[in-house]
Amino acid sequence: MTTITDDFMRTMLQKTKNYCIVILKPGPNRSKPEADKIIWEHGRRNFMLRAGGKLSIVCPVSGGTEVSGICIFNAGVDETRKLMDDDPAVKANVLLYDTYSCRSFPGDSLPG
């Protein structure tokens, strides 16, 4: 196992950057017949945000839990809220969201 020194930790923590986590939850219209079509367009928009560099990580959550998805935006909370308020699923109350400011290491990624 790799040894992590205090100096290494201090150096690494100085390299962190602000991001915004979004927790998506089912909204009051999630069970409406047209919801799946709206979710499809929400997904299309996520692909556009990823291509534009604003949406770094997208994790849909399945299994009927109280959480529908988790996203990490390469933006601050205010900008992320503006982006989310324009989301078709949020506008249609199919999804609701909460935002959280966070810090992480630029370049981190999910394993391939």
N, C-alpha and C. Protein backbone atom coordinates (compact mmCIF):
# COMPACT_ATOMS: atom_id res chain seq x y z
N MET A 1 0.83 -1.17 0.00
CA MET A 1 0.00 0.00 0.00
C MET A 1 0.89 1.25 0.00
N THR A 2 0.48 2.28 -0.70
CA THR A 2 1.24 3.52 -0.80
C THR A 2 1.15 4.31 0.50
N THR A 3 2.27 4.86 0.91
CA THR A 3 2.30 5.73 2.09
C THR A 3 1.95 7.15 1.65
N ILE A 4 1.03 7.77 2.34
CA ILE A 4 0.61 9.14 2.07
C ILE A 4 1.09 10.01 3.22
N THR A 5 2.01 10.91 2.91
CA THR A 5 2.57 11.78 3.95
C THR A 5 1.71 13.03 4.13
N ASP A 6 1.93 13.72 5.23
CA ASP A 6 1.24 14.99 5.47
C ASP A 6 1.60 16.02 4.39
N ASP A 7 2.86 16.06 3.99
CA ASP A 7 3.29 17.00 2.94
C ASP A 7 2.57 16.71 1.62
N PHE A 8 2.46 15.45 1.27
CA PHE A 8 1.75 15.08 0.05
C PHE A 8 0.30 15.55 0.13
N MET A 9 -0.34 15.30 1.27
CA MET A 9 -1.75 15.71 1.43
C MET A 9 -1.89 17.22 1.30
N ARG A 10 -1.02 17.99 1.95
CA ARG A 10 -1.09 19.46 1.87
C ARG A 10 -0.93 19.93 0.41
N THR A 11 0.02 19.35 -0.29
CA THR A 11 0.24 19.71 -1.69
C THR A 11 -0.98 19.38 -2.54
N MET A 12 -1.52 18.21 -2.36
CA MET A 12 -2.68 17.79 -3.16
C MET A 12 -3.91 18.65 -2.84
N LEU A 13 -4.16 18.93 -1.59
CA LEU A 13 -5.34 19.70 -1.21
C LEU A 13 -5.30 21.11 -1.80
N GLN A 14 -4.11 21.64 -2.04
CA GLN A 14 -3.99 22.96 -2.67
C GLN A 14 -4.40 22.92 -4.14
N LYS A 15 -4.46 21.74 -4.72
CA LYS A 15 -4.81 21.58 -6.14
C LYS A 15 -6.29 21.38 -6.37
N THR A 16 -7.09 21.30 -5.31
CA THR A 16 -8.51 21.05 -5.50
C THR A 16 -9.19 22.26 -6.15
N LYS A 17 -10.35 22.00 -6.72
CA LYS A 17 -11.12 23.02 -7.44
C LYS A 17 -12.58 22.91 -7.01
N ASN A 18 -13.30 24.01 -7.08
CA ASN A 18 -14.73 24.01 -6.74
C ASN A 18 -15.55 23.38 -7.86
N TYR A 19 -16.50 22.57 -7.46
CA TYR A 19 -17.47 21.95 -8.36
C TYR A 19 -18.83 22.05 -7.69
N CYS A 20 -19.84 21.53 -8.35
CA CYS A 20 -21.18 21.50 -7.76
C CYS A 20 -21.80 20.13 -7.97
N ILE A 21 -22.26 19.53 -6.90
CA ILE A 21 -22.96 18.25 -6.96
C ILE A 21 -24.46 18.52 -7.04
N VAL A 22 -25.13 17.79 -7.90
CA VAL A 22 -26.59 17.86 -8.01
C VAL A 22 -27.15 16.49 -7.67
N ILE A 23 -28.10 16.48 -6.76
CA ILE A 23 -28.84 15.26 -6.42
C ILE A 23 -30.23 15.41 -7.02
N LEU A 24 -30.56 14.53 -7.95
CA LEU A 24 -31.88 14.54 -8.59
C LEU A 24 -32.82 13.60 -7.86
N LYS A 25 -34.07 14.04 -7.73
CA LYS A 25 -35.09 13.24 -7.06
C LYS A 25 -36.34 13.22 -7.94
N PRO A 26 -37.15 12.18 -7.83
CA PRO A 26 -38.40 12.17 -8.61
C PRO A 26 -39.29 13.34 -8.18
N GLY A 27 -39.87 14.00 -9.18
CA GLY A 27 -40.79 15.10 -8.91
C GLY A 27 -42.23 14.61 -8.90
N PRO A 28 -43.16 15.50 -8.63
CA PRO A 28 -44.57 15.11 -8.54
C PRO A 28 -45.15 14.58 -9.86
N ASN A 29 -44.53 14.90 -11.00
CA ASN A 29 -45.04 14.43 -12.29
C ASN A 29 -44.25 13.25 -12.85
N ARG A 30 -43.40 12.61 -12.04
CA ARG A 30 -42.57 11.51 -12.53
C ARG A 30 -43.38 10.33 -13.02
N SER A 31 -44.55 10.10 -12.47
CA SER A 31 -45.33 8.93 -12.87
C SER A 31 -46.35 9.23 -13.98
N LYS A 32 -46.34 10.44 -14.49
CA LYS A 32 -47.26 10.80 -15.59
C LYS A 32 -46.83 10.08 -16.87
N PRO A 33 -47.78 9.79 -17.76
CA PRO A 33 -47.45 9.05 -18.99
C PRO A 33 -46.37 9.71 -19.85
N GLU A 34 -46.32 11.02 -19.90
CA GLU A 34 -45.35 11.70 -20.76
C GLU A 34 -43.97 11.85 -20.11
N ALA A 35 -43.80 11.39 -18.89
CA ALA A 35 -42.55 11.58 -18.15
C ALA A 35 -41.35 10.91 -18.83
N ASP A 36 -41.54 9.72 -19.38
CA ASP A 36 -40.40 9.03 -20.00
C ASP A 36 -39.86 9.80 -21.20
N LYS A 37 -40.74 10.42 -21.98
CA LYS A 37 -40.29 11.23 -23.11
C LYS A 37 -39.52 12.45 -22.61
N ILE A 38 -39.97 13.04 -21.54
CA ILE A 38 -39.28 14.20 -20.95
C ILE A 38 -37.92 13.79 -20.40
N ILE A 39 -37.85 12.63 -19.76
CA ILE A 39 -36.58 12.12 -19.24
C ILE A 39 -35.60 11.87 -20.40
N TRP A 40 -36.11 11.39 -21.52
CA TRP A 40 -35.26 11.19 -22.70
C TRP A 40 -34.62 12.51 -23.14
N GLU A 41 -35.41 13.57 -23.16
CA GLU A 41 -34.88 14.89 -23.55
C GLU A 41 -33.94 15.45 -22.48
N HIS A 42 -34.21 15.13 -21.24
CA HIS A 42 -33.29 15.48 -20.14
C HIS A 42 -31.93 14.81 -20.40
N GLY A 43 -31.95 13.55 -20.80
CA GLY A 43 -30.72 12.83 -21.12
C GLY A 43 -29.98 13.45 -22.30
N ARG A 44 -30.74 13.84 -23.33
CA ARG A 44 -30.12 14.49 -24.49
C ARG A 44 -29.42 15.78 -24.05
N ARG A 45 -30.07 16.53 -23.18
CA ARG A 45 -29.48 17.78 -22.68
C ARG A 45 -28.23 17.49 -21.86
N ASN A 46 -28.25 16.42 -21.08
CA ASN A 46 -27.05 16.03 -20.34
C ASN A 46 -25.88 15.76 -21.27
N PHE A 47 -26.14 15.08 -22.39
CA PHE A 47 -25.08 14.84 -23.37
C PHE A 47 -24.54 16.16 -23.91
N MET A 48 -25.41 17.12 -24.16
CA MET A 48 -24.97 18.43 -24.65
C MET A 48 -24.13 19.15 -23.60
N LEU A 49 -24.56 19.09 -22.34
CA LEU A 49 -23.79 19.73 -21.26
C LEU A 49 -22.43 19.06 -21.07
N ARG A 50 -22.39 17.74 -21.24
CA ARG A 50 -21.11 17.01 -21.16
C ARG A 50 -20.20 17.45 -22.30
N ALA A 51 -20.74 17.52 -23.51
CA ALA A 51 -19.95 17.92 -24.68
C ALA A 51 -19.42 19.34 -24.52
N GLY A 52 -20.18 20.19 -23.83
CA GLY A 52 -19.77 21.56 -23.61
C GLY A 52 -18.86 21.77 -22.41
N GLY A 53 -18.55 20.69 -21.68
CA GLY A 53 -17.62 20.79 -20.57
C GLY A 53 -18.23 21.24 -19.25
N LYS A 54 -19.54 21.41 -19.19
CA LYS A 54 -20.18 21.86 -17.94
C LYS A 54 -20.55 20.70 -17.02
N LEU A 55 -20.88 19.55 -17.59
CA LEU A 55 -21.33 18.41 -16.80
C LEU A 55 -20.25 17.33 -16.87
N SER A 56 -19.56 17.11 -15.76
CA SER A 56 -18.41 16.21 -15.76
C SER A 56 -18.77 14.76 -15.49
N ILE A 57 -19.67 14.53 -14.58
CA ILE A 57 -20.04 13.16 -14.18
C ILE A 57 -21.56 13.07 -14.13
N VAL A 58 -22.12 12.03 -14.73
CA VAL A 58 -23.56 11.77 -14.71
C VAL A 58 -23.77 10.35 -14.23
N CYS A 59 -24.54 10.18 -13.17
CA CYS A 59 -24.80 8.85 -12.62
C CYS A 59 -26.29 8.67 -12.37
N PRO A 60 -27.03 8.13 -13.34
CA PRO A 60 -28.43 7.80 -13.07
C PRO A 60 -28.49 6.73 -11.96
N VAL A 61 -29.47 6.85 -11.11
CA VAL A 61 -29.66 5.90 -10.02
C VAL A 61 -30.96 5.14 -10.29
N SER A 62 -30.88 3.82 -10.29
CA SER A 62 -32.06 3.01 -10.56
C SER A 62 -32.49 2.27 -9.30
N GLY A 63 -33.60 1.61 -9.39
CA GLY A 63 -34.05 0.78 -8.28
C GLY A 63 -35.16 1.39 -7.45
N GLY A 64 -35.80 2.44 -7.96
CA GLY A 64 -36.94 3.00 -7.24
C GLY A 64 -36.59 3.68 -5.93
N THR A 65 -35.39 4.19 -5.80
CA THR A 65 -35.01 4.88 -4.57
C THR A 65 -35.51 6.32 -4.59
N GLU A 66 -35.25 7.05 -3.55
CA GLU A 66 -35.63 8.46 -3.48
C GLU A 66 -34.68 9.34 -4.28
N VAL A 67 -33.60 8.77 -4.79
CA VAL A 67 -32.64 9.51 -5.60
C VAL A 67 -32.71 8.99 -7.03
N SER A 68 -32.83 9.91 -7.99
CA SER A 68 -32.89 9.53 -9.41
C SER A 68 -31.54 9.64 -10.09
N GLY A 69 -30.66 10.48 -9.56
CA GLY A 69 -29.36 10.63 -10.18
C GLY A 69 -28.46 11.55 -9.39
N ILE A 70 -27.18 11.45 -9.69
CA ILE A 70 -26.17 12.30 -9.08
C ILE A 70 -25.29 12.82 -10.21
N CYS A 71 -25.04 14.11 -10.20
CA CYS A 71 -24.21 14.74 -11.24
C CYS A 71 -23.18 15.64 -10.58
N ILE A 72 -22.05 15.79 -11.25
CA ILE A 72 -21.05 16.75 -10.81
C ILE A 72 -20.83 17.73 -11.95
N PHE A 73 -21.09 18.99 -11.67
CA PHE A 73 -20.95 20.05 -12.66
C PHE A 73 -19.63 20.76 -12.49
N ASN A 74 -19.04 21.13 -13.60
CA ASN A 74 -17.83 21.94 -13.62
C ASN A 74 -18.27 23.40 -13.63
N ALA A 75 -18.94 23.80 -12.56
CA ALA A 75 -19.51 25.14 -12.43
C ALA A 75 -19.82 25.38 -10.96
N GLY A 76 -20.03 26.63 -10.63
CA GLY A 76 -20.43 26.98 -9.27
C GLY A 76 -21.91 26.70 -9.06
N VAL A 77 -22.36 26.87 -7.84
CA VAL A 77 -23.75 26.58 -7.48
C VAL A 77 -24.73 27.46 -8.26
N ASP A 78 -24.45 28.76 -8.35
CA ASP A 78 -25.38 29.66 -9.04
C ASP A 78 -25.53 29.30 -10.51
N GLU A 79 -24.41 29.07 -11.18
CA GLU A 79 -24.49 28.69 -12.60
C GLU A 79 -25.18 27.34 -12.77
N THR A 80 -24.89 26.42 -11.88
CA THR A 80 -25.51 25.09 -11.96
C THR A 80 -27.02 25.20 -11.76
N ARG A 81 -27.46 26.01 -10.82
CA ARG A 81 -28.91 26.19 -10.62
C ARG A 81 -29.56 26.76 -11.87
N LYS A 82 -28.91 27.71 -12.54
CA LYS A 82 -29.46 28.26 -13.78
C LYS A 82 -29.58 27.17 -14.84
N LEU A 83 -28.53 26.35 -14.95
CA LEU A 83 -28.58 25.25 -15.91
C LEU A 83 -29.68 24.26 -15.56
N MET A 84 -29.80 23.92 -14.30
CA MET A 84 -30.82 22.95 -13.89
C MET A 84 -32.23 23.51 -14.04
N ASP A 85 -32.42 24.78 -13.74
CA ASP A 85 -33.75 25.38 -13.88
C ASP A 85 -34.23 25.36 -15.33
N ASP A 86 -33.31 25.25 -16.28
CA ASP A 86 -33.66 25.20 -17.69
C ASP A 86 -33.79 23.76 -18.21
N ASP A 87 -33.57 22.79 -17.35
CA ASP A 87 -33.67 21.38 -17.73
C ASP A 87 -35.14 21.02 -17.99
N PRO A 88 -35.44 20.29 -19.08
CA PRO A 88 -36.84 19.97 -19.39
C PRO A 88 -37.54 19.15 -18.31
N ALA A 89 -36.82 18.25 -17.66
CA ALA A 89 -37.45 17.43 -16.62
C ALA A 89 -37.72 18.24 -15.35
N VAL A 90 -36.87 19.20 -15.07
CA VAL A 90 -37.09 20.08 -13.92
C VAL A 90 -38.25 21.02 -14.22
N LYS A 91 -38.25 21.59 -15.43
CA LYS A 91 -39.34 22.50 -15.81
C LYS A 91 -40.71 21.82 -15.75
N ALA A 92 -40.74 20.51 -16.07
CA ALA A 92 -42.01 19.77 -16.09
C ALA A 92 -42.31 19.11 -14.74
N ASN A 93 -41.51 19.38 -13.71
CA ASN A 93 -41.67 18.77 -12.39
C ASN A 93 -41.61 17.24 -12.41
N VAL A 94 -40.88 16.71 -13.39
CA VAL A 94 -40.62 15.27 -13.44
C VAL A 94 -39.45 14.96 -12.51
N LEU A 95 -38.52 15.90 -12.42
CA LEU A 95 -37.39 15.77 -11.50
C LEU A 95 -37.26 17.04 -10.66
N LEU A 96 -36.84 16.86 -9.44
CA LEU A 96 -36.48 17.96 -8.54
C LEU A 96 -34.99 17.81 -8.26
N TYR A 97 -34.36 18.87 -7.77
CA TYR A 97 -32.93 18.76 -7.51
C TYR A 97 -32.52 19.58 -6.31
N ASP A 98 -31.39 19.18 -5.73
CA ASP A 98 -30.69 19.93 -4.69
C ASP A 98 -29.25 20.12 -5.18
N THR A 99 -28.65 21.25 -4.83
CA THR A 99 -27.26 21.51 -5.21
C THR A 99 -26.39 21.61 -3.96
N TYR A 100 -25.13 21.20 -4.13
CA TYR A 100 -24.16 21.24 -3.04
C TYR A 100 -22.81 21.65 -3.60
N SER A 101 -22.22 22.65 -3.01
CA SER A 101 -20.88 23.05 -3.38
C SER A 101 -19.91 22.00 -2.86
N CYS A 102 -18.91 21.67 -3.67
CA CYS A 102 -17.92 20.68 -3.23
C CYS A 102 -16.56 21.01 -3.85
N ARG A 103 -15.55 20.30 -3.44
CA ARG A 103 -14.21 20.45 -4.00
C ARG A 103 -13.71 19.06 -4.38
N SER A 104 -12.93 19.00 -5.45
CA SER A 104 -12.31 17.75 -5.84
C SER A 104 -11.06 18.04 -6.64
N PHE A 105 -10.45 17.00 -7.13
CA PHE A 105 -9.19 17.12 -7.85
C PHE A 105 -9.45 17.14 -9.34
N PRO A 106 -9.05 18.22 -10.03
CA PRO A 106 -9.21 18.25 -11.48
C PRO A 106 -8.53 17.05 -12.12
N GLY A 107 -9.22 16.45 -13.08
CA GLY A 107 -8.66 15.27 -13.76
C GLY A 107 -9.12 13.96 -13.17
N ASP A 108 -9.73 13.95 -11.98
CA ASP A 108 -10.25 12.72 -11.45
C ASP A 108 -11.31 12.18 -12.40
N SER A 109 -11.43 10.88 -12.46
CA SER A 109 -12.43 10.28 -13.33
C SER A 109 -12.82 8.92 -12.80
N LEU A 110 -13.89 8.40 -13.35
CA LEU A 110 -14.32 7.06 -12.99
C LEU A 110 -13.43 6.06 -13.73
N PRO A 111 -13.17 4.90 -13.12
CA PRO A 111 -12.36 3.91 -13.82
C PRO A 111 -13.06 3.43 -15.08
N GLY A 112 -12.27 3.14 -16.12
CA GLY A 112 -12.82 2.71 -17.40
C GLY A 112 -13.19 1.27 -17.42
